[in-house]
N, C-alpha and C. Protein backbone atom coordinates (compact mmCIF):
# COMPACT_ATOMS: atom_id res chain seq x y z
N MET A 1 -3.57 -2.70 17.74
CA MET A 1 -3.45 -3.08 16.38
C MET A 1 -1.98 -3.27 16.12
N THR A 2 -1.36 -4.20 15.62
CA THR A 2 -0.10 -4.49 15.25
C THR A 2 0.40 -3.65 14.00
N PRO A 3 1.63 -3.44 13.95
CA PRO A 3 2.13 -2.68 12.86
C PRO A 3 1.67 -3.29 11.40
N LYS A 4 1.55 -4.67 11.25
CA LYS A 4 1.30 -5.20 10.01
C LYS A 4 -0.31 -4.98 9.90
N GLN A 5 -1.09 -5.00 10.79
CA GLN A 5 -2.50 -4.83 10.58
C GLN A 5 -2.74 -3.39 10.29
N ARG A 6 -1.94 -2.53 10.85
CA ARG A 6 -2.02 -0.93 10.49
C ARG A 6 -1.48 -0.81 8.88
N ALA A 7 -0.56 -1.48 8.50
CA ALA A 7 -0.15 -1.40 7.23
C ALA A 7 -1.30 -2.05 6.35
N CYS A 8 -1.89 -3.17 6.71
CA CYS A 8 -3.09 -3.85 5.91
C CYS A 8 -4.26 -2.70 5.86
N LEU A 9 -4.64 -2.13 6.97
CA LEU A 9 -5.58 -1.22 6.93
C LEU A 9 -5.44 -0.05 6.04
N ILE A 10 -4.20 0.49 6.04
CA ILE A 10 -3.77 1.56 4.94
C ILE A 10 -3.85 1.08 3.64
N ALA A 11 -3.47 -0.24 3.41
CA ALA A 11 -3.52 -0.69 2.00
C ALA A 11 -4.85 -0.84 1.61
N ILE A 12 -5.85 -1.36 2.48
CA ILE A 12 -7.26 -1.34 2.04
C ILE A 12 -7.72 -0.10 1.75
N ASP A 13 -7.46 0.91 2.49
CA ASP A 13 -7.96 2.22 2.29
C ASP A 13 -7.44 2.90 0.88
N ARG A 14 -6.23 2.70 0.73
CA ARG A 14 -5.41 3.26 -0.48
C ARG A 14 -5.82 2.49 -1.81
N LEU A 15 -6.14 1.16 -1.65
CA LEU A 15 -6.36 0.30 -2.94
C LEU A 15 -7.85 0.24 -3.21
N THR A 16 -8.69 0.79 -2.46
CA THR A 16 -10.14 0.80 -2.65
C THR A 16 -10.39 1.82 -3.75
N VAL A 17 -10.89 1.45 -4.88
CA VAL A 17 -11.05 2.40 -6.00
C VAL A 17 -12.49 2.37 -6.36
N ASP A 18 -13.05 3.58 -6.28
CA ASP A 18 -14.68 3.89 -6.70
C ASP A 18 -15.45 2.81 -5.78
N GLY A 19 -15.22 2.54 -4.53
CA GLY A 19 -15.95 1.83 -3.74
C GLY A 19 -15.70 0.39 -3.78
N VAL A 20 -14.83 0.03 -4.65
CA VAL A 20 -14.35 -1.53 -4.93
C VAL A 20 -13.19 -1.77 -4.03
N PRO A 21 -13.30 -2.62 -3.11
CA PRO A 21 -12.14 -3.00 -2.24
C PRO A 21 -11.16 -3.78 -2.98
N PRO A 22 -9.80 -3.87 -2.43
CA PRO A 22 -8.92 -4.70 -3.22
C PRO A 22 -9.14 -6.12 -2.94
N SER A 23 -8.76 -7.04 -3.90
CA SER A 23 -8.73 -8.44 -3.64
C SER A 23 -7.60 -8.75 -2.69
N TYR A 24 -7.73 -10.16 -2.09
CA TYR A 24 -6.61 -10.52 -1.24
C TYR A 24 -5.30 -10.58 -2.06
N GLU A 25 -5.38 -10.94 -3.23
CA GLU A 25 -4.14 -10.92 -4.13
C GLU A 25 -3.34 -9.46 -4.19
N ASN A 26 -4.27 -8.49 -4.35
CA ASN A 26 -3.93 -7.10 -4.39
C ASN A 26 -3.14 -6.85 -3.05
N LEU A 27 -3.73 -7.14 -1.87
CA LEU A 27 -3.23 -6.85 -0.68
C LEU A 27 -1.83 -7.58 -0.48
N ARG A 28 -1.76 -8.87 -0.86
CA ARG A 28 -0.73 -9.65 -0.68
C ARG A 28 0.50 -8.93 -1.31
N VAL A 29 0.28 -8.54 -2.54
CA VAL A 29 1.27 -7.80 -3.33
C VAL A 29 1.79 -6.47 -2.68
N ALA A 30 0.71 -5.71 -2.10
CA ALA A 30 1.13 -4.43 -1.67
C ALA A 30 1.80 -4.59 -0.35
N LEU A 31 1.39 -5.70 0.47
CA LEU A 31 2.09 -5.79 1.78
C LEU A 31 3.31 -6.64 1.71
N LYS A 32 3.61 -7.16 0.49
CA LYS A 32 4.81 -7.94 0.16
C LYS A 32 4.80 -9.29 1.05
N LEU A 33 3.74 -9.93 1.09
CA LEU A 33 3.60 -11.14 1.74
C LEU A 33 3.84 -12.10 0.84
N VAL A 34 4.03 -13.54 1.29
CA VAL A 34 4.46 -14.58 0.49
C VAL A 34 3.10 -15.30 -0.02
N SER A 35 2.01 -15.39 0.85
CA SER A 35 0.95 -16.13 0.44
C SER A 35 -0.42 -15.20 1.07
N LYS A 36 -1.57 -15.59 0.38
CA LYS A 36 -2.79 -14.97 0.75
C LYS A 36 -3.31 -15.26 2.12
N SER A 37 -2.70 -16.31 2.68
CA SER A 37 -3.13 -16.71 3.99
C SER A 37 -2.70 -15.73 5.08
N GLY A 38 -1.54 -15.12 4.81
CA GLY A 38 -1.04 -13.90 5.56
C GLY A 38 -2.02 -12.79 5.63
N VAL A 39 -2.58 -12.56 4.49
CA VAL A 39 -3.64 -11.46 4.38
C VAL A 39 -4.79 -11.75 5.20
N PHE A 40 -5.24 -13.08 4.98
CA PHE A 40 -6.31 -13.61 5.71
C PHE A 40 -6.31 -13.39 7.25
N ARG A 41 -5.08 -13.76 7.85
CA ARG A 41 -4.77 -13.68 9.21
C ARG A 41 -4.86 -12.15 9.44
N LEU A 42 -4.27 -11.19 8.83
CA LEU A 42 -4.36 -9.75 9.16
C LEU A 42 -5.71 -9.23 9.12
N ILE A 43 -6.50 -9.61 8.13
CA ILE A 43 -7.97 -9.29 7.95
C ILE A 43 -8.75 -9.71 9.15
N ASN A 44 -8.58 -11.02 9.44
CA ASN A 44 -9.33 -11.57 10.57
C ASN A 44 -9.11 -10.69 11.89
N GLY A 45 -7.80 -10.45 12.13
CA GLY A 45 -7.44 -9.60 13.28
C GLY A 45 -8.18 -8.30 13.23
N LEU A 46 -8.19 -7.61 12.23
CA LEU A 46 -8.75 -6.19 12.01
C LEU A 46 -10.39 -6.44 12.16
N GLU A 47 -10.98 -7.54 11.66
CA GLU A 47 -12.36 -7.77 11.84
C GLU A 47 -12.73 -8.15 13.23
N THR A 48 -11.93 -8.59 13.97
CA THR A 48 -12.09 -9.14 15.37
C THR A 48 -12.11 -7.74 16.02
N GLN A 49 -11.13 -6.84 15.86
CA GLN A 49 -11.12 -5.61 16.46
C GLN A 49 -12.19 -4.53 16.00
N GLY A 50 -12.90 -4.93 15.04
CA GLY A 50 -14.08 -4.09 14.64
C GLY A 50 -13.48 -2.98 13.59
N TYR A 51 -12.35 -3.03 12.97
CA TYR A 51 -12.10 -2.07 11.91
C TYR A 51 -12.57 -2.35 10.64
N VAL A 52 -12.81 -3.64 10.33
CA VAL A 52 -13.27 -4.01 8.94
C VAL A 52 -14.43 -4.95 9.02
N ARG A 53 -15.01 -5.16 8.01
CA ARG A 53 -16.22 -6.26 7.98
C ARG A 53 -16.01 -6.94 6.58
N ARG A 54 -16.38 -8.16 6.54
CA ARG A 54 -16.34 -8.91 5.18
C ARG A 54 -17.81 -9.55 5.18
N LEU A 55 -18.16 -9.77 3.95
CA LEU A 55 -19.22 -10.60 3.58
C LEU A 55 -18.77 -12.00 3.20
N ALA A 56 -19.46 -12.95 3.79
CA ALA A 56 -19.02 -14.39 3.72
C ALA A 56 -19.19 -14.65 2.19
N ASN A 57 -18.37 -15.40 1.65
CA ASN A 57 -18.35 -16.12 0.25
C ASN A 57 -18.62 -15.01 -0.80
N THR A 58 -18.09 -13.82 -0.54
CA THR A 58 -18.22 -12.63 -1.62
C THR A 58 -16.83 -12.11 -1.75
N LYS A 59 -16.55 -12.17 -3.20
CA LYS A 59 -15.05 -11.55 -3.45
C LYS A 59 -15.08 -10.11 -3.18
N ARG A 60 -13.88 -9.47 -2.91
CA ARG A 60 -13.64 -8.12 -2.80
C ARG A 60 -14.92 -7.44 -1.87
N SER A 61 -15.00 -8.02 -0.74
CA SER A 61 -16.06 -7.64 0.21
C SER A 61 -15.50 -6.84 1.43
N ILE A 62 -14.31 -6.54 1.55
CA ILE A 62 -13.88 -5.96 2.62
C ILE A 62 -14.06 -4.51 2.78
N GLU A 63 -14.67 -4.11 3.96
CA GLU A 63 -15.15 -2.72 4.03
C GLU A 63 -14.56 -2.19 5.51
N ILE A 64 -14.07 -1.10 5.29
CA ILE A 64 -13.59 -0.38 6.61
C ILE A 64 -14.91 0.27 7.31
N VAL A 65 -15.06 -0.33 8.60
CA VAL A 65 -16.27 0.22 9.08
C VAL A 65 -15.96 1.23 10.49
N ARG A 66 -14.57 1.03 10.88
CA ARG A 66 -14.09 2.02 11.96
C ARG A 66 -12.91 2.59 11.52
N ARG A 67 -12.90 3.92 11.13
CA ARG A 67 -11.63 4.46 10.53
C ARG A 67 -11.11 5.26 11.89
N PRO A 68 -9.78 4.80 12.01
CA PRO A 68 -8.92 5.53 13.11
C PRO A 68 -8.71 6.97 12.44
N PRO A 69 -8.62 8.10 13.34
CA PRO A 69 -8.36 9.38 12.95
C PRO A 69 -7.10 9.45 12.10
N TRP A 70 -6.14 8.61 12.47
CA TRP A 70 -4.85 8.82 11.64
C TRP A 70 -4.89 8.23 10.29
N LEU A 71 -5.84 7.37 9.88
CA LEU A 71 -6.22 6.95 8.68
C LEU A 71 -6.51 8.01 7.79
N ASP A 72 -7.36 8.98 8.17
CA ASP A 72 -7.81 10.04 7.41
C ASP A 72 -6.63 11.02 7.01
N ALA A 73 -5.78 11.20 8.20
CA ALA A 73 -4.61 12.14 7.89
C ALA A 73 -3.75 11.66 6.96
N LEU A 74 -3.47 10.25 6.98
CA LEU A 74 -2.77 9.59 5.89
C LEU A 74 -3.34 9.56 4.48
N ALA A 75 -4.56 9.49 4.52
CA ALA A 75 -5.31 9.66 3.03
C ALA A 75 -5.19 11.01 2.48
N ALA A 76 -5.19 12.11 3.27
CA ALA A 76 -4.86 13.40 2.99
C ALA A 76 -3.51 13.61 2.43
N ALA A 77 -2.55 12.95 2.93
CA ALA A 77 -1.27 13.30 2.72
C ALA A 77 -0.72 12.60 1.30
N PRO A 78 0.03 13.21 0.50
CA PRO A 78 0.38 12.52 -0.79
C PRO A 78 1.38 11.33 -0.54
N ALA A 79 1.12 10.37 -1.45
CA ALA A 79 1.89 9.14 -1.34
C ALA A 79 3.40 9.47 -1.97
N VAL A 80 4.08 10.26 -1.46
CA VAL A 80 5.23 10.53 -2.07
C VAL A 80 6.39 9.41 -2.09
N LYS A 81 6.46 8.57 -0.92
CA LYS A 81 7.36 7.57 -0.77
C LYS A 81 7.00 6.38 -1.78
N SER A 82 5.79 6.02 -1.92
CA SER A 82 5.36 4.95 -2.59
C SER A 82 5.46 5.42 -4.22
N ASP A 83 5.27 6.67 -4.46
CA ASP A 83 5.48 7.15 -5.82
C ASP A 83 6.85 6.97 -6.26
N LEU A 84 7.81 7.35 -5.34
CA LEU A 84 9.34 7.34 -5.59
C LEU A 84 9.66 6.12 -5.72
N ALA A 85 9.20 5.00 -4.71
CA ALA A 85 9.61 3.72 -4.91
C ALA A 85 9.22 3.05 -6.23
N ALA A 86 7.92 3.44 -6.73
CA ALA A 86 7.46 2.91 -8.04
C ALA A 86 8.40 3.39 -9.06
N GLU A 87 8.63 4.61 -8.97
CA GLU A 87 9.57 5.33 -10.18
C GLU A 87 10.92 4.62 -10.20
N VAL A 88 11.45 4.32 -9.08
CA VAL A 88 12.90 3.70 -8.86
C VAL A 88 12.67 2.36 -9.55
N ALA A 89 11.65 1.55 -9.15
CA ALA A 89 11.49 0.22 -9.53
C ALA A 89 11.41 0.21 -11.01
N ARG A 90 10.61 1.17 -11.66
CA ARG A 90 10.36 1.23 -13.05
C ARG A 90 11.69 1.51 -13.78
N LEU A 91 12.51 2.66 -13.33
CA LEU A 91 13.84 2.88 -13.90
C LEU A 91 14.82 1.54 -14.02
N ILE A 92 14.86 0.85 -12.88
CA ILE A 92 15.73 -0.27 -12.84
C ILE A 92 15.18 -1.24 -13.89
N ARG A 93 13.83 -1.52 -13.95
CA ARG A 93 13.25 -2.66 -14.82
C ARG A 93 13.48 -2.35 -16.24
N VAL A 94 13.17 -0.91 -16.57
CA VAL A 94 13.28 -0.64 -17.98
C VAL A 94 14.67 -0.20 -18.59
N HIS A 95 15.38 0.35 -17.72
CA HIS A 95 16.71 0.80 -18.28
C HIS A 95 17.83 0.24 -17.49
N GLY A 96 17.72 -0.44 -16.53
CA GLY A 96 18.86 -0.97 -15.76
C GLY A 96 19.41 -0.15 -14.64
N LEU A 97 20.23 -0.64 -13.88
CA LEU A 97 20.77 0.05 -12.70
C LEU A 97 21.66 1.21 -13.15
N PRO A 98 22.43 1.15 -14.20
CA PRO A 98 23.33 2.33 -14.47
C PRO A 98 22.38 3.69 -14.88
N ALA A 99 21.25 3.44 -15.61
CA ALA A 99 20.40 4.46 -15.92
C ALA A 99 19.79 5.27 -14.55
N LEU A 100 19.60 4.27 -13.59
CA LEU A 100 18.98 4.83 -12.40
C LEU A 100 20.19 5.75 -11.65
N ALA A 101 21.36 5.08 -11.62
CA ALA A 101 22.43 5.98 -11.07
C ALA A 101 22.50 7.23 -11.77
N ALA A 102 22.53 7.26 -13.01
CA ALA A 102 22.59 8.46 -13.85
C ALA A 102 21.41 9.42 -13.50
N CYS A 103 20.44 8.97 -13.18
CA CYS A 103 19.20 9.70 -13.02
C CYS A 103 19.39 10.33 -11.51
N VAL A 104 19.85 9.53 -10.60
CA VAL A 104 20.03 10.08 -9.19
C VAL A 104 21.03 11.02 -9.25
N ASN A 105 22.17 10.81 -9.93
CA ASN A 105 23.39 11.83 -9.93
C ASN A 105 22.89 13.24 -10.66
N GLY A 106 22.12 13.04 -11.68
CA GLY A 106 21.58 14.20 -12.36
C GLY A 106 20.63 15.04 -11.41
N HIS A 107 19.89 14.48 -10.68
CA HIS A 107 18.84 15.05 -9.60
C HIS A 107 19.79 15.59 -8.66
N LEU A 108 20.81 14.86 -8.08
CA LEU A 108 21.55 15.60 -7.07
C LEU A 108 22.46 16.72 -7.58
N MET A 109 22.91 16.71 -8.85
CA MET A 109 23.59 17.82 -9.27
C MET A 109 22.64 19.00 -9.54
N GLY A 110 21.43 18.74 -9.89
CA GLY A 110 20.35 19.79 -9.91
C GLY A 110 20.07 20.49 -8.67
N MET A 111 20.03 19.68 -7.70
CA MET A 111 19.87 20.21 -6.26
C MET A 111 21.03 21.02 -5.78
N ALA A 112 22.20 20.73 -6.37
CA ALA A 112 23.29 21.59 -5.84
C ALA A 112 23.22 22.93 -6.54
N HIS A 113 22.63 22.99 -7.73
CA HIS A 113 22.62 24.40 -8.23
C HIS A 113 21.37 25.22 -7.83
N ASP A 114 20.53 24.65 -7.09
CA ASP A 114 19.38 25.34 -6.56
C ASP A 114 19.64 26.43 -5.51
C-alpha cells in the first residue's frame, strides 16, 4: 500500500458517518487532490488489494472490507492535528493572519506560566 492509498483508506474510515461512506468529492477535498480521477485511481488500487469494495453505478458505495490493524488504532486516537489545522484555517479565514498570531502568542504566553 502506498502512502497516498493509506491516506485514502484513513479518509474513507474517518469520513464515513452513520454507515454512509464519503463521496469522491469529499475524498478529493480531504486528500487535497486536484481532480476526482486521482481519488478513482487510489480507490482502484485499494480495491485491487482487497481493502475496499465498490458497487458499480452506485453513489457513495465505498466499503472497507479488510481493515489493517493500524486503522483501528488510528480510529481510536483523537484527531488532534486535523482539529488544530481546522481551527488555524478558521482563524485565518474569519479574523485574518494578525489575529492568528495574537492567538498563538497568547497561547505560548499561557504555556510559559504553567
